[in-house]
Amino acid sequence: MKNENIPAEVKSKSLKEARDEINDILNKLESKDADLSSSIGDYKRLIQLNNHIDELFKKKVKEISAIKKEIKKK
């Protein structure tokens, strides 16, 4: 799933908010009461949140790399 396929309301979440929602979904999917039809939607949401977190980490890695390069220049 590409970044542009992630809904805006997911993109606006902080890392903590996304992680909390992922934990909620995982708990729901692991429960004995989970039904297949809602699980499919939950799984798709989980993928969107995971991709959003991946993008956040990629941005942080770029920021850290840029800072590291600046420090080495000095």
N, C-alpha and C. Protein backbone atom coordinates (compact mmCIF):
# COMPACT_ATOMS: atom_id res chain seq x y z
N MET A 1 0.85 -1.18 0.00
CA MET A 1 0.00 0.00 0.00
C MET A 1 0.89 1.24 0.00
N LYS A 2 0.62 2.08 -0.95
CA LYS A 2 1.41 3.29 -1.05
C LYS A 2 0.91 4.34 -0.07
N ASN A 3 1.78 5.30 0.22
CA ASN A 3 1.45 6.35 1.17
C ASN A 3 0.20 7.11 0.77
N GLU A 4 -0.02 7.32 -0.54
CA GLU A 4 -1.19 8.09 -0.95
C GLU A 4 -2.49 7.32 -0.76
N ASN A 5 -2.41 6.02 -0.51
CA ASN A 5 -3.60 5.22 -0.24
C ASN A 5 -3.99 5.23 1.23
N ILE A 6 -3.20 5.89 2.04
CA ILE A 6 -3.50 5.99 3.47
C ILE A 6 -4.45 7.17 3.67
N PRO A 7 -5.62 6.94 4.27
CA PRO A 7 -6.57 8.03 4.48
C PRO A 7 -5.98 9.18 5.29
N ALA A 8 -6.45 10.38 5.03
CA ALA A 8 -5.94 11.58 5.70
C ALA A 8 -6.11 11.49 7.21
N GLU A 9 -7.22 10.90 7.66
CA GLU A 9 -7.43 10.81 9.11
C GLU A 9 -6.44 9.85 9.77
N VAL A 10 -5.88 8.93 9.01
CA VAL A 10 -4.83 8.06 9.54
C VAL A 10 -3.51 8.82 9.53
N LYS A 11 -3.25 9.54 8.44
CA LYS A 11 -2.01 10.31 8.32
C LYS A 11 -1.88 11.38 9.40
N SER A 12 -2.99 11.83 9.92
CA SER A 12 -2.96 12.89 10.92
C SER A 12 -2.67 12.35 12.34
N LYS A 13 -2.66 11.05 12.49
CA LYS A 13 -2.43 10.46 13.82
C LYS A 13 -0.95 10.54 14.20
N SER A 14 -0.74 10.73 15.49
CA SER A 14 0.63 10.67 16.01
C SER A 14 1.04 9.20 16.09
N LEU A 15 2.30 8.99 16.34
CA LEU A 15 2.80 7.62 16.50
C LEU A 15 2.07 6.91 17.63
N LYS A 16 1.90 7.61 18.74
CA LYS A 16 1.24 7.01 19.90
C LYS A 16 -0.23 6.68 19.58
N GLU A 17 -0.92 7.59 18.91
CA GLU A 17 -2.32 7.34 18.57
C GLU A 17 -2.45 6.13 17.64
N ALA A 18 -1.58 6.05 16.65
CA ALA A 18 -1.61 4.93 15.72
C ALA A 18 -1.30 3.62 16.45
N ARG A 19 -0.29 3.64 17.30
CA ARG A 19 0.09 2.45 18.06
C ARG A 19 -1.06 1.99 18.97
N ASP A 20 -1.72 2.95 19.62
CA ASP A 20 -2.84 2.60 20.50
C ASP A 20 -3.98 1.97 19.72
N GLU A 21 -4.27 2.53 18.55
CA GLU A 21 -5.35 1.95 17.74
C GLU A 21 -4.97 0.56 17.25
N ILE A 22 -3.71 0.37 16.88
CA ILE A 22 -3.25 -0.96 16.47
C ILE A 22 -3.43 -1.95 17.61
N ASN A 23 -3.05 -1.56 18.81
CA ASN A 23 -3.22 -2.45 19.97
C ASN A 23 -4.69 -2.80 20.19
N ASP A 24 -5.58 -1.82 20.03
CA ASP A 24 -7.01 -2.07 20.18
C ASP A 24 -7.50 -3.08 19.14
N ILE A 25 -7.06 -2.89 17.90
CA ILE A 25 -7.48 -3.79 16.82
C ILE A 25 -6.95 -5.21 17.07
N LEU A 26 -5.68 -5.30 17.48
CA LEU A 26 -5.10 -6.62 17.75
C LEU A 26 -5.86 -7.33 18.87
N ASN A 27 -6.19 -6.60 19.91
CA ASN A 27 -6.97 -7.20 21.00
C ASN A 27 -8.32 -7.69 20.50
N LYS A 28 -8.94 -6.90 19.65
CA LYS A 28 -10.24 -7.27 19.09
C LYS A 28 -10.11 -8.52 18.22
N LEU A 29 -9.07 -8.56 17.36
CA LEU A 29 -8.88 -9.71 16.48
C LEU A 29 -8.54 -10.98 17.24
N GLU A 30 -7.87 -10.82 18.37
CA GLU A 30 -7.47 -11.99 19.17
C GLU A 30 -8.59 -12.51 20.07
N SER A 31 -9.65 -11.74 20.20
CA SER A 31 -10.74 -12.17 21.08
C SER A 31 -11.51 -13.32 20.43
N LYS A 32 -12.14 -14.10 21.26
CA LYS A 32 -12.91 -15.24 20.77
C LYS A 32 -14.19 -14.79 20.08
N ASP A 33 -14.61 -13.56 20.33
CA ASP A 33 -15.87 -13.05 19.76
C ASP A 33 -15.69 -12.41 18.38
N ALA A 34 -14.49 -12.39 17.86
CA ALA A 34 -14.24 -11.75 16.57
C ALA A 34 -14.93 -12.53 15.45
N ASP A 35 -15.63 -11.78 14.57
CA ASP A 35 -16.25 -12.43 13.42
C ASP A 35 -15.49 -12.05 12.15
N LEU A 36 -15.56 -12.89 11.16
CA LEU A 36 -14.75 -12.75 9.96
C LEU A 36 -15.04 -11.46 9.20
N SER A 37 -16.30 -11.09 9.07
CA SER A 37 -16.64 -9.92 8.27
C SER A 37 -16.05 -8.63 8.84
N SER A 38 -16.11 -8.46 10.15
CA SER A 38 -15.52 -7.26 10.74
C SER A 38 -14.01 -7.37 10.83
N SER A 39 -13.51 -8.60 10.91
CA SER A 39 -12.07 -8.80 10.99
C SER A 39 -11.36 -8.35 9.72
N ILE A 40 -12.00 -8.51 8.58
CA ILE A 40 -11.41 -8.09 7.31
C ILE A 40 -11.22 -6.57 7.30
N GLY A 41 -12.22 -5.84 7.74
CA GLY A 41 -12.11 -4.38 7.82
C GLY A 41 -11.06 -3.96 8.83
N ASP A 42 -11.03 -4.65 9.95
CA ASP A 42 -10.03 -4.35 10.97
C ASP A 42 -8.62 -4.61 10.44
N TYR A 43 -8.45 -5.69 9.70
CA TYR A 43 -7.14 -6.02 9.14
C TYR A 43 -6.69 -4.94 8.15
N LYS A 44 -7.60 -4.47 7.31
CA LYS A 44 -7.26 -3.40 6.35
C LYS A 44 -6.85 -2.13 7.09
N ARG A 45 -7.56 -1.82 8.14
CA ARG A 45 -7.23 -0.65 8.97
C ARG A 45 -5.85 -0.83 9.61
N LEU A 46 -5.57 -2.02 10.07
CA LEU A 46 -4.28 -2.34 10.66
C LEU A 46 -3.15 -2.10 9.67
N ILE A 47 -3.34 -2.50 8.43
CA ILE A 47 -2.34 -2.30 7.38
C ILE A 47 -2.13 -0.80 7.14
N GLN A 48 -3.21 -0.03 7.09
CA GLN A 48 -3.09 1.42 6.89
C GLN A 48 -2.30 2.06 8.02
N LEU A 49 -2.62 1.69 9.24
CA LEU A 49 -1.91 2.24 10.40
C LEU A 49 -0.45 1.83 10.40
N ASN A 50 -0.18 0.59 10.05
CA ASN A 50 1.19 0.12 10.00
C ASN A 50 1.99 0.88 8.94
N ASN A 51 1.40 1.10 7.79
CA ASN A 51 2.09 1.86 6.74
C ASN A 51 2.33 3.30 7.16
N HIS A 52 1.40 3.87 7.88
CA HIS A 52 1.57 5.24 8.39
C HIS A 52 2.74 5.29 9.36
N ILE A 53 2.82 4.33 10.26
CA ILE A 53 3.93 4.29 11.22
C ILE A 53 5.25 4.10 10.48
N ASP A 54 5.25 3.26 9.47
CA ASP A 54 6.46 3.06 8.66
C ASP A 54 6.92 4.37 8.03
N GLU A 55 5.98 5.15 7.51
CA GLU A 55 6.32 6.45 6.92
C GLU A 55 6.87 7.42 7.97
N LEU A 56 6.28 7.41 9.16
CA LEU A 56 6.79 8.27 10.23
C LEU A 56 8.23 7.92 10.59
N PHE A 57 8.52 6.63 10.66
CA PHE A 57 9.88 6.20 10.97
C PHE A 57 10.85 6.57 9.85
N LYS A 58 10.43 6.44 8.60
CA LYS A 58 11.29 6.82 7.47
C LYS A 58 11.64 8.30 7.53
N LYS A 59 10.66 9.13 7.87
CA LYS A 59 10.91 10.57 7.98
C LYS A 59 11.91 10.86 9.10
N LYS A 60 11.74 10.17 10.23
CA LYS A 60 12.66 10.38 11.36
C LYS A 60 14.08 9.95 11.01
N VAL A 61 14.21 8.85 10.27
CA VAL A 61 15.54 8.38 9.86
C VAL A 61 16.21 9.42 8.98
N LYS A 62 15.45 10.01 8.07
CA LYS A 62 16.00 11.06 7.20
C LYS A 62 16.44 12.28 8.02
N GLU A 63 15.62 12.66 8.99
CA GLU A 63 15.96 13.80 9.85
C GLU A 63 17.23 13.52 10.64
N ILE A 64 17.32 12.34 11.20
CA ILE A 64 18.49 11.98 11.99
C ILE A 64 19.73 11.94 11.11
N SER A 65 19.60 11.39 9.91
CA SER A 65 20.73 11.34 8.98
C SER A 65 21.20 12.73 8.61
N ALA A 66 20.27 13.65 8.38
CA ALA A 66 20.63 15.02 8.03
C ALA A 66 21.35 15.70 9.19
N ILE A 67 20.87 15.50 10.39
CA ILE A 67 21.50 16.08 11.58
C ILE A 67 22.91 15.50 11.75
N LYS A 68 23.03 14.22 11.55
CA LYS A 68 24.32 13.55 11.69
C LYS A 68 25.33 14.10 10.67
N LYS A 69 24.87 14.33 9.45
CA LYS A 69 25.75 14.91 8.42
C LYS A 69 26.19 16.32 8.80
N GLU A 70 25.28 17.10 9.35
CA GLU A 70 25.61 18.47 9.77
C GLU A 70 26.65 18.45 10.90
N ILE A 71 26.49 17.54 11.80
CA ILE A 71 27.44 17.44 12.92
C ILE A 71 28.81 17.05 12.40
N LYS A 72 28.87 16.15 11.45
CA LYS A 72 30.17 15.73 10.89
C LYS A 72 30.85 16.86 10.15
N LYS A 73 30.07 17.75 9.52
CA LYS A 73 30.64 18.89 8.80
C LYS A 73 31.33 19.86 9.75
N LYS A 74 30.81 19.96 10.95
CA LYS A 74 31.35 20.91 11.94
C LYS A 74 32.52 20.28 12.58
